[in-house]
PDB file of N, CA and C in Angstrom:
ATOM      1  N   UNK A   1      11.041   1.997  -8.728  1.00  0.00           N
ATOM      2  CA  UNK A   1      10.116   1.161  -7.989  1.00  0.00           C
ATOM      3  C   UNK A   1       8.757   1.847  -7.924  1.00  0.00           C
ATOM      4  N   UNK A   2       7.725   1.116  -8.216  1.00  0.00           N
ATOM      5  CA  UNK A   2       6.363   1.609  -8.060  1.00  0.00           C
ATOM      6  C   UNK A   2       5.879   1.175  -6.679  1.00  0.00           C
ATOM      7  N   UNK A   3       5.356   2.106  -5.923  1.00  0.00           N
ATOM      8  CA  UNK A   3       4.806   1.765  -4.611  1.00  0.00           C
ATOM      9  C   UNK A   3       3.417   1.187  -4.845  1.00  0.00           C
ATOM     10  N   UNK A   4       3.261  -0.098  -4.555  1.00  0.00           N
ATOM     11  CA  UNK A   4       2.011  -0.793  -4.863  1.00  0.00           C
ATOM     12  C   UNK A   4       1.172  -1.112  -3.642  1.00  0.00           C
ATOM     13  N   UNK A   5       1.697  -0.833  -2.459  1.00  0.00           N
ATOM     14  CA  UNK A   5       0.965  -1.155  -1.241  1.00  0.00           C
ATOM     15  C   UNK A   5       0.984   0.046  -0.300  1.00  0.00           C
ATOM     16  N   UNK A   6      -0.054   0.183   0.465  1.00  0.00           N
ATOM     17  CA  UNK A   6      -0.127   1.211   1.494  1.00  0.00           C
ATOM     18  C   UNK A   6      -0.093   0.507   2.837  1.00  0.00           C
ATOM     19  N   UNK A   7       0.824   0.921   3.691  1.00  0.00           N
ATOM     20  CA  UNK A   7       0.982   0.273   4.992  1.00  0.00           C
ATOM     21  C   UNK A   7       0.743   1.301   6.084  1.00  0.00           C
ATOM     22  N   UNK A   8      -0.101   0.962   7.015  1.00  0.00           N
ATOM     23  CA  UNK A   8      -0.333   1.796   8.198  1.00  0.00           C
ATOM     24  C   UNK A   8      -0.029   0.937   9.409  1.00  0.00           C
ATOM     25  N   UNK A   9       0.912   1.367  10.199  1.00  0.00           N
ATOM     26  CA  UNK A   9       1.257   0.618  11.403  1.00  0.00           C
ATOM     27  C   UNK A   9       0.070   0.674  12.364  1.00  0.00           C
ATOM     28  N   UNK A  10      -0.351  -0.477  12.866  1.00  0.00           N
ATOM     29  CA  UNK A  10      -1.507  -0.532  13.767  1.00  0.00           C
ATOM     30  C   UNK A  10      -1.344   0.412  14.947  1.00  0.00           C
ATOM     31  N   UNK A  11      -0.149   0.454  15.505  1.00  0.00           N
ATOM     32  CA  UNK A  11       0.114   1.335  16.648  1.00  0.00           C
ATOM     33  C   UNK A  11      -0.132   2.800  16.286  1.00  0.00           C
ATOM     34  N   UNK A  12       0.249   3.196  15.061  1.00  0.00           N
ATOM     35  CA  UNK A  12       0.022   4.575  14.623  1.00  0.00           C
ATOM     36  C   UNK A  12      -1.461   4.867  14.442  1.00  0.00           C
ATOM     37  N   UNK A  13      -2.207   3.903  13.911  1.00  0.00           N
ATOM     38  CA  UNK A  13      -3.652   4.094  13.754  1.00  0.00           C
ATOM     39  C   UNK A  13      -4.305   4.258  15.121  1.00  0.00           C
ATOM     40  N   UNK A  14      -3.910   3.419  16.067  1.00  0.00           N
ATOM     41  CA  UNK A  14      -4.460   3.526  17.426  1.00  0.00           C
ATOM     42  C   UNK A  14      -4.157   4.887  18.038  1.00  0.00           C
ATOM     43  N   UNK A  15      -2.959   5.360  17.807  1.00  0.00           N
ATOM     44  CA  UNK A  15      -2.506   6.596  18.439  1.00  0.00           C
ATOM     45  C   UNK A  15      -3.092   7.850  17.777  1.00  0.00           C
ATOM     46  N   UNK A  16      -3.229   7.827  16.441  1.00  0.00           N
ATOM     47  CA  UNK A  16      -3.529   9.062  15.716  1.00  0.00           C
ATOM     48  C   UNK A  16      -4.946   9.176  15.163  1.00  0.00           C
ATOM     49  N   UNK A  17      -5.728   8.109  15.209  1.00  0.00           N
ATOM     50  CA  UNK A  17      -7.087   8.174  14.668  1.00  0.00           C
ATOM     51  C   UNK A  17      -8.112   8.242  15.787  1.00  0.00           C
ATOM     52  N   UNK A  18      -9.176   8.979  15.514  1.00  0.00           N
ATOM     53  CA  UNK A  18     -10.289   9.010  16.459  1.00  0.00           C
ATOM     54  C   UNK A  18     -11.039   7.682  16.355  1.00  0.00           C
ATOM     55  N   UNK A  19     -11.937   7.438  17.295  1.00  0.00           N
ATOM     56  CA  UNK A  19     -12.728   6.205  17.238  1.00  0.00           C
ATOM     57  C   UNK A  19     -13.538   6.147  15.950  1.00  0.00           C
ATOM     58  N   UNK A  20     -14.108   7.278  15.530  1.00  0.00           N
ATOM     59  CA  UNK A  20     -14.890   7.317  14.289  1.00  0.00           C
ATOM     60  C   UNK A  20     -13.994   7.020  13.087  1.00  0.00           C
ATOM     61  N   UNK A  21     -12.790   7.558  13.064  1.00  0.00           N
ATOM     62  CA  UNK A  21     -11.867   7.297  11.954  1.00  0.00           C
ATOM     63  C   UNK A  21     -11.455   5.827  11.918  1.00  0.00           C
ATOM     64  N   UNK A  22     -11.300   5.215  13.080  1.00  0.00           N
ATOM     65  CA  UNK A  22     -10.976   3.782  13.131  1.00  0.00           C
ATOM     66  C   UNK A  22     -12.125   2.960  12.550  1.00  0.00           C
ATOM     67  N   UNK A  23     -13.356   3.342  12.859  1.00  0.00           N
ATOM     68  CA  UNK A  23     -14.532   2.655  12.315  1.00  0.00           C
ATOM     69  C   UNK A  23     -14.565   2.819  10.796  1.00  0.00           C
ATOM     70  N   UNK A  24     -14.289   4.036  10.316  1.00  0.00           N
ATOM     71  CA  UNK A  24     -14.286   4.292   8.876  1.00  0.00           C
ATOM     72  C   UNK A  24     -13.190   3.489   8.177  1.00  0.00           C
ATOM     73  N   UNK A  25     -12.008   3.429   8.792  1.00  0.00           N
ATOM     74  CA  UNK A  25     -10.908   2.656   8.221  1.00  0.00           C
ATOM     75  C   UNK A  25     -11.285   1.179   8.140  1.00  0.00           C
ATOM     76  N   UNK A  26     -11.865   0.655   9.190  1.00  0.00           N
ATOM     77  CA  UNK A  26     -12.283  -0.744   9.202  1.00  0.00           C
ATOM     78  C   UNK A  26     -13.334  -1.008   8.125  1.00  0.00           C
ATOM     79  N   UNK A  27     -14.255  -0.066   7.946  1.00  0.00           N
ATOM     80  CA  UNK A  27     -15.284  -0.202   6.904  1.00  0.00           C
ATOM     81  C   UNK A  27     -14.634  -0.277   5.522  1.00  0.00           C
ATOM     82  N   UNK A  28     -13.649   0.592   5.270  1.00  0.00           N
ATOM     83  CA  UNK A  28     -12.963   0.589   3.977  1.00  0.00           C
ATOM     84  C   UNK A  28     -12.170  -0.704   3.768  1.00  0.00           C
ATOM     85  N   UNK A  29     -11.484  -1.162   4.807  1.00  0.00           N
ATOM     86  CA  UNK A  29     -10.724  -2.407   4.698  1.00  0.00           C
ATOM     87  C   UNK A  29     -11.643  -3.591   4.426  1.00  0.00           C
ATOM     88  N   UNK A  30     -12.808  -3.610   5.071  1.00  0.00           N
ATOM     89  CA  UNK A  30     -13.775  -4.685   4.828  1.00  0.00           C
ATOM     90  C   UNK A  30     -14.327  -4.630   3.412  1.00  0.00           C
ATOM     91  N   UNK A  31     -14.493  -3.418   2.877  1.00  0.00           N
ATOM     92  CA  UNK A  31     -14.974  -3.271   1.502  1.00  0.00           C
ATOM     93  C   UNK A  31     -13.946  -3.829   0.519  1.00  0.00           C
ATOM     94  N   UNK A  32     -12.675  -3.540   0.751  1.00  0.00           N
ATOM     95  CA  UNK A  32     -11.613  -4.078  -0.104  1.00  0.00           C
ATOM     96  C   UNK A  32     -11.577  -5.601   0.013  1.00  0.00           C
ATOM     97  N   UNK A  33     -11.683  -6.100   1.234  1.00  0.00           N
ATOM     98  CA  UNK A  33     -11.678  -7.549   1.469  1.00  0.00           C
ATOM     99  C   UNK A  33     -12.821  -8.220   0.707  1.00  0.00           C
ATOM    100  N   UNK A  34     -14.018  -7.656   0.774  1.00  0.00           N
ATOM    101  CA  UNK A  34     -15.172  -8.215   0.066  1.00  0.00           C
ATOM    102  C   UNK A  34     -14.970  -8.145  -1.446  1.00  0.00           C
ATOM    103  N   UNK A  35     -14.400  -7.046  -1.921  1.00  0.00           N
ATOM    104  CA  UNK A  35     -14.138  -6.912  -3.354  1.00  0.00           C
ATOM    105  C   UNK A  35     -13.158  -7.954  -3.856  1.00  0.00           C
ATOM    106  N   UNK A  36     -12.090  -8.176  -3.088  1.00  0.00           N
ATOM    107  CA  UNK A  36     -11.112  -9.205  -3.468  1.00  0.00           C
ATOM    108  C   UNK A  36     -11.775 -10.580  -3.509  1.00  0.00           C
ATOM    109  N   UNK A  37     -12.592 -10.871  -2.504  1.00  0.00           N
ATOM    110  CA  UNK A  37     -13.270 -12.170  -2.457  1.00  0.00           C
ATOM    111  C   UNK A  37     -14.198 -12.332  -3.660  1.00  0.00           C
ATOM    112  N   UNK A  38     -14.893 -11.263  -4.050  1.00  0.00           N
ATOM    113  CA  UNK A  38     -15.813 -11.343  -5.190  1.00  0.00           C
ATOM    114  C   UNK A  38     -15.071 -11.555  -6.507  1.00  0.00           C
ATOM    115  N   UNK A  39     -13.781 -11.212  -6.534  1.00  0.00           N
ATOM    116  CA  UNK A  39     -12.950 -11.433  -7.720  1.00  0.00           C
ATOM    117  C   UNK A  39     -12.279 -12.810  -7.699  1.00  0.00           C
ATOM    118  N   UNK A  40     -12.603 -13.597  -6.673  1.00  0.00           N
ATOM    119  CA  UNK A  40     -12.013 -14.922  -6.561  1.00  0.00           C
ATOM    120  C   UNK A  40     -10.607 -14.920  -5.994  1.00  0.00           C
ATOM    121  N   UNK A  41     -10.196 -13.793  -5.444  1.00  0.00           N
ATOM    122  CA  UNK A  41      -8.863 -13.687  -4.848  1.00  0.00           C
ATOM    123  C   UNK A  41      -8.940 -13.997  -3.361  1.00  0.00           C
ATOM    124  N   UNK A  42      -7.787 -14.285  -2.790  1.00  0.00           N
ATOM    125  CA  UNK A  42      -7.713 -14.446  -1.342  1.00  0.00           C
ATOM    126  C   UNK A  42      -8.098 -13.104  -0.723  1.00  0.00           C
ATOM    127  N   UNK A  43      -9.055 -13.110   0.189  1.00  0.00           N
ATOM    128  CA  UNK A  43      -9.585 -11.861   0.745  1.00  0.00           C
ATOM    129  C   UNK A  43      -8.538 -11.079   1.526  1.00  0.00           C
ATOM    130  N   UNK A  44      -7.711 -11.779   2.273  1.00  0.00           N
ATOM    131  CA  UNK A  44      -6.689 -11.113   3.087  1.00  0.00           C
ATOM    132  C   UNK A  44      -5.351 -11.783   2.832  1.00  0.00           C
ATOM    133  N   UNK A  45      -4.366 -10.991   2.449  1.00  0.00           N
ATOM    134  CA  UNK A  45      -3.008 -11.495   2.285  1.00  0.00           C
ATOM    135  C   UNK A  45      -2.182 -11.089   3.491  1.00  0.00           C
ATOM    136  N   UNK A  46      -1.119 -11.823   3.737  1.00  0.00           N
ATOM    137  CA  UNK A  46      -0.177 -11.488   4.807  1.00  0.00           C
ATOM    138  C   UNK A  46       1.138 -11.127   4.132  1.00  0.00           C
ATOM    139  N   UNK A  47       1.709  -9.995   4.505  1.00  0.00           N
ATOM    140  CA  UNK A  47       2.899  -9.485   3.842  1.00  0.00           C
ATOM    141  C   UNK A  47       4.075  -9.377   4.798  1.00  0.00           C
ATOM    142  N   UNK A  48       5.264  -9.481   4.236  1.00  0.00           N
ATOM    143  CA  UNK A  48       6.482  -9.153   4.966  1.00  0.00           C
ATOM    144  C   UNK A  48       6.758  -7.678   4.718  1.00  0.00           C
ATOM    145  N   UNK A  49       7.070  -6.945   5.759  1.00  0.00           N
ATOM    146  CA  UNK A  49       7.322  -5.514   5.621  1.00  0.00           C
ATOM    147  C   UNK A  49       8.711  -5.221   6.158  1.00  0.00           C
ATOM    148  N   UNK A  50       9.486  -4.482   5.380  1.00  0.00           N
ATOM    149  CA  UNK A  50      10.835  -4.112   5.791  1.00  0.00           C
ATOM    150  C   UNK A  50      10.947  -2.598   5.732  1.00  0.00           C
ATOM    151  N   UNK A  51      11.281  -1.973   6.839  1.00  0.00           N
ATOM    152  CA  UNK A  51      11.528  -0.534   6.834  1.00  0.00           C
ATOM    153  C   UNK A  51      12.815  -0.261   6.073  1.00  0.00           C
ATOM    154  N   UNK A  52      12.804   0.754   5.228  1.00  0.00           N
ATOM    155  CA  UNK A  52      13.975   1.036   4.401  1.00  0.00           C
ATOM    156  C   UNK A  52      15.161   1.542   5.201  1.00  0.00           C
ATOM    157  N   UNK A  53      14.946   1.935   6.451  1.00  0.00           N
ATOM    158  CA  UNK A  53      16.075   2.403   7.259  1.00  0.00           C
ATOM    159  C   UNK A  53      16.767   1.275   8.022  1.00  0.00           C
ATOM    160  N   UNK A  54      16.309   0.045   7.847  1.00  0.00           N
ATOM    161  CA  UNK A  54      16.964  -1.094   8.489  1.00  0.00           C
ATOM    162  C   UNK A  54      18.285  -1.393   7.777  1.00  0.00           C
ATOM    163  N   UNK A  55      19.280  -1.837   8.532  1.00  0.00           N
ATOM    164  CA  UNK A  55      20.607  -2.094   7.958  1.00  0.00           C
ATOM    165  C   UNK A  55      20.577  -3.179   6.878  1.00  0.00           C
ATOM    166  N   UNK A  56      19.633  -4.105   6.956  1.00  0.00           N
ATOM    167  CA  UNK A  56      19.551  -5.202   5.996  1.00  0.00           C
ATOM    168  C   UNK A  56      18.646  -4.882   4.801  1.00  0.00           C
ATOM    169  N   UNK A  57      18.050  -3.703   4.769  1.00  0.00           N
ATOM    170  CA  UNK A  57      17.134  -3.350   3.681  1.00  0.00           C
ATOM    171  C   UNK A  57      17.787  -3.463   2.301  1.00  0.00           C
ATOM    172  N   UNK A  58      19.041  -3.009   2.117  1.00  0.00           N
ATOM    173  CA  UNK A  58      19.653  -3.167   0.788  1.00  0.00           C
ATOM    174  C   UNK A  58      19.744  -4.631   0.341  1.00  0.00           C
ATOM    175  N   UNK A  59      19.945  -5.540   1.286  1.00  0.00           N
ATOM    176  CA  UNK A  59      19.985  -6.966   0.942  1.00  0.00           C
ATOM    177  C   UNK A  59      18.616  -7.439   0.457  1.00  0.00           C
ATOM    178  N   UNK A  60      17.566  -6.972   1.104  1.00  0.00           N
ATOM    179  CA  UNK A  60      16.203  -7.337   0.704  1.00  0.00           C
ATOM    180  C   UNK A  60      15.907  -6.772  -0.681  1.00  0.00           C
ATOM    181  N   UNK A  61      16.312  -5.522  -0.920  1.00  0.00           N
ATOM    182  CA  UNK A  61      16.117  -4.902  -2.236  1.00  0.00           C
ATOM    183  C   UNK A  61      16.827  -5.727  -3.306  1.00  0.00           C
ATOM    184  N   UNK A  62      18.035  -6.162  -3.022  1.00  0.00           N
ATOM    185  CA  UNK A  62      18.783  -6.954  -4.004  1.00  0.00           C
ATOM    186  C   UNK A  62      18.067  -8.269  -4.299  1.00  0.00           C
ATOM    187  N   UNK A  63      17.534  -8.910  -3.288  1.00  0.00           N
ATOM    188  CA  UNK A  63      16.768 -10.149  -3.492  1.00  0.00           C
ATOM    189  C   UNK A  63      15.556  -9.871  -4.384  1.00  0.00           C
ATOM    190  N   UNK A  64      14.855  -8.764  -4.125  1.00  0.00           N
ATOM    191  CA  UNK A  64      13.702  -8.401  -4.957  1.00  0.00           C
ATOM    192  C   UNK A  64      14.135  -8.150  -6.398  1.00  0.00           C
ATOM    193  N   UNK A  65      15.242  -7.420  -6.582  1.00  0.00           N
ATOM    194  CA  UNK A  65      15.747  -7.159  -7.935  1.00  0.00           C
ATOM    195  C   UNK A  65      16.101  -8.463  -8.638  1.00  0.00           C
ATOM    196  N   UNK A  66      16.783  -9.353  -7.920  1.00  0.00           N
ATOM    197  CA  UNK A  66      17.197 -10.632  -8.503  1.00  0.00           C
ATOM    198  C   UNK A  66      16.002 -11.471  -8.946  1.00  0.00           C
ATOM    199  N   UNK A  67      14.849 -11.228  -8.349  1.00  0.00           N
ATOM    200  CA  UNK A  67      13.645 -11.995  -8.662  1.00  0.00           C
ATOM    201  C   UNK A  67      12.630 -11.211  -9.485  1.00  0.00           C
ATOM    202  N   UNK A  68      13.069 -10.063 -10.037  1.00  0.00           N
ATOM    203  CA  UNK A  68      12.220  -9.284 -10.935  1.00  0.00           C
ATOM    204  C   UNK A  68      11.074  -8.551 -10.273  1.00  0.00           C
ATOM    205  N   UNK A  69      11.230  -8.194  -8.993  1.00  0.00           N
ATOM    206  CA  UNK A  69      10.153  -7.510  -8.280  1.00  0.00           C
ATOM    207  C   UNK A  69      10.524  -6.097  -7.853  1.00  0.00           C
ATOM    208  N   UNK A  70      11.434  -5.458  -8.552  1.00  0.00           N
ATOM    209  CA  UNK A  70      11.847  -4.129  -8.121  1.00  0.00           C
ATOM    210  C   UNK A  70      11.814  -3.112  -9.248  1.00  0.00           C
ATOM    211  N   UNK A  71      11.997  -3.534 -10.461  1.00  0.00           N
ATOM    212  CA  UNK A  71      12.084  -2.593 -11.571  1.00  0.00           C
ATOM    213  C   UNK A  71      10.749  -1.898 -11.811  1.00  0.00           C
ATOM    214  N   UNK A  72      10.828  -0.689 -12.300  1.00  0.00           N
ATOM    215  CA  UNK A  72       9.635   0.104 -12.574  1.00  0.00           C
ATOM    216  C   UNK A  72       8.862  -0.516 -13.741  1.00  0.00           C
ATOM    217  N   UNK A  73       7.595  -0.776 -13.514  1.00  0.00           N
ATOM    218  CA  UNK A  73       6.719  -1.359 -14.520  1.00  0.00           C
ATOM    219  C   UNK A  73       5.424  -0.563 -14.515  1.00  0.00           C
ATOM    220  N   UNK A  74       4.942  -0.209 -15.710  1.00  0.00           N
ATOM    221  CA  UNK A  74       3.675   0.521 -15.772  1.00  0.00           C
ATOM    222  C   UNK A  74       2.527  -0.452 -15.551  1.00  0.00           C
ATOM    223  N   UNK A  75       1.658  -0.118 -14.642  1.00  0.00           N
ATOM    224  CA  UNK A  75       0.474  -0.926 -14.366  1.00  0.00           C
ATOM    225  C   UNK A  75      -0.716   0.018 -14.351  1.00  0.00           C
ATOM    226  N   UNK A  76      -1.596  -0.050 -15.357  1.00  0.00           N
ATOM    227  CA  UNK A  76      -2.723   0.884 -15.424  1.00  0.00           C
ATOM    228  C   UNK A  76      -3.690   0.757 -14.253  1.00  0.00           C
ATOM    229  N   UNK A  77      -3.619  -0.352 -13.515  1.00  0.00           N
ATOM    230  CA  UNK A  77      -4.500  -0.538 -12.365  1.00  0.00           C
ATOM    231  C   UNK A  77      -3.913   0.022 -11.078  1.00  0.00           C
ATOM    232  N   UNK A  78      -2.706   0.574 -11.148  1.00  0.00           N
ATOM    233  CA  UNK A  78      -2.063   1.111  -9.952  1.00  0.00           C
ATOM    234  C   UNK A  78      -1.986   2.629 -10.044  1.00  0.00           C
ATOM    235  N   UNK A  79      -2.429   3.292  -9.001  1.00  0.00           N
ATOM    236  CA  UNK A  79      -2.284   4.744  -8.926  1.00  0.00           C
ATOM    237  C   UNK A  79      -0.855   5.051  -8.510  1.00  0.00           C
ATOM    238  N   UNK A  80      -0.215   5.958  -9.221  1.00  0.00           N
ATOM    239  CA  UNK A  80       1.135   6.360  -8.859  1.00  0.00           C
ATOM    240  C   UNK A  80       1.053   7.733  -8.219  1.00  0.00           C
ATOM    241  N   UNK A  81       1.933   7.985  -7.283  1.00  0.00           N
ATOM    242  CA  UNK A  81       1.910   9.257  -6.585  1.00  0.00           C
ATOM    243  C   UNK A  81       3.327   9.729  -6.344  1.00  0.00           C
ATOM    244  N   UNK A  82       3.429  10.971  -5.921  1.00  0.00           N
ATOM    245  CA  UNK A  82       4.715  11.569  -5.587  1.00  0.00           C
ATOM    246  C   UNK A  82       4.680  11.917  -4.113  1.00  0.00           C
ATOM    247  N   UNK A  83       5.777  11.635  -3.425  1.00  0.00           N
ATOM    248  CA  UNK A  83       5.879  12.045  -2.028  1.00  0.00           C
ATOM    249  C   UNK A  83       6.740  13.293  -1.994  1.00  0.00           C
ATOM    250  N   UNK A  84       6.161  14.391  -1.544  1.00  0.00           N
ATOM    251  CA  UNK A  84       6.848  15.673  -1.447  1.00  0.00           C
ATOM    252  C   UNK A  84       7.003  15.999   0.031  1.00  0.00           C
ATOM    253  N   UNK A  85       8.145  15.651   0.603  1.00  0.00           N
ATOM    254  CA  UNK A  85       8.326  15.810   2.040  1.00  0.00           C
ATOM    255  C   UNK A  85       7.391  14.862   2.752  1.00  0.00           C
ATOM    256  N   UNK A  86       6.536  15.416   3.605  1.00  0.00           N
ATOM    257  CA  UNK A  86       5.577  14.556   4.307  1.00  0.00           C
ATOM    258  C   UNK A  86       4.186  14.625   3.682  1.00  0.00           C
ATOM    259  N   UNK A  87       4.114  15.098   2.428  1.00  0.00           N
ATOM    260  CA  UNK A  87       2.837  15.213   1.720  1.00  0.00           C
ATOM    261  C   UNK A  87       2.783  14.176   0.604  1.00  0.00           C
ATOM    262  N   UNK A  88       1.688  13.436   0.547  1.00  0.00           N
ATOM    263  CA  UNK A  88       1.459  12.452  -0.496  1.00  0.00           C
ATOM    264  C   UNK A  88       0.623  13.116  -1.585  1.00  0.00           C
ATOM    265  N   UNK A  89       1.189  13.266  -2.781  1.00  0.00           N
ATOM    266  CA  UNK A  89       0.498  13.919  -3.889  1.00  0.00           C
ATOM    267  C   UNK A  89      -0.061  12.831  -4.797  1.00  0.00           C
ATOM    268  N   UNK A  90      -1.375  12.686  -4.785  1.00  0.00           N
ATOM    269  CA  UNK A  90      -2.035  11.668  -5.603  1.00  0.00           C
ATOM    270  C   UNK A  90      -2.238  12.187  -7.018  1.00  0.00           C
ATOM    271  N   UNK A  91      -2.311  11.294  -8.002  1.00  0.00           N
ATOM    272  CA  UNK A  91      -2.503  11.739  -9.383  1.00  0.00           C
ATOM    273  C   UNK A  91      -3.898  12.300  -9.580  1.00  0.00           C
ATOM    274  N   UNK A  92      -4.011  13.200 -10.544  1.00  0.00           N
ATOM    275  CA  UNK A  92      -5.337  13.713 -10.890  1.00  0.00           C
ATOM    276  C   UNK A  92      -6.068  12.625 -11.659  1.00  0.00           C
ATOM    277  N   UNK A  93      -7.355  12.502 -11.410  1.00  0.00           N
ATOM    278  CA  UNK A  93      -8.153  11.518 -12.136  1.00  0.00           C
ATOM    279  C   UNK A  93      -9.325  12.222 -12.787  1.00  0.00           C
ATOM    280  N   UNK A  94      -9.781  11.650 -13.883  1.00  0.00           N
ATOM    281  CA  UNK A  94     -10.938  12.199 -14.574  1.00  0.00           C
ATOM    282  C   UNK A  94     -12.167  11.439 -14.118  1.00  0.00           C
ATOM    283  N   UNK A  95     -13.160  12.149 -13.639  1.00  0.00           N
ATOM    284  CA  UNK A  95     -14.383  11.533 -13.151  1.00  0.00           C
ATOM    285  C   UNK A  95     -15.327  11.312 -14.323  1.00  0.00           C
ATOM    286  N   UNK A  96     -15.918  10.123 -14.372  1.00  0.00           N
ATOM    287  CA  UNK A  96     -16.920   9.839 -15.387  1.00  0.00           C
ATOM    288  C   UNK A  96     -16.360   9.478 -16.742  1.00  0.00           C
ATOM    289  N   UNK A  97     -15.072   9.148 -16.809  1.00  0.00           N
ATOM    290  CA  UNK A  97     -14.483   8.788 -18.100  1.00  0.00           C
ATOM    291  C   UNK A  97     -14.602   7.306 -18.302  1.00  0.00           C
TER     292      UNK A  97
END
């Protein structure tokens, strides 16, 4: 599975971010929203989120597999990363290429 979305629980953002960080996060989210709109896409999507520790998560995974939304697929527009414990290791990128 390729992780294609980043989810931050609103409660966690409220609890762990400073007021300045919340402003910066909102600025970044608005920039993404404007970019999507400029591409003719819906600016804001609404998603269903399932925690993997829920008892019904395997059923949801099976539904995704049955509908072709779970298998690993290379997407050059998606950054792939490795999670090492509680550290998110982002891929190296070449600047100016």
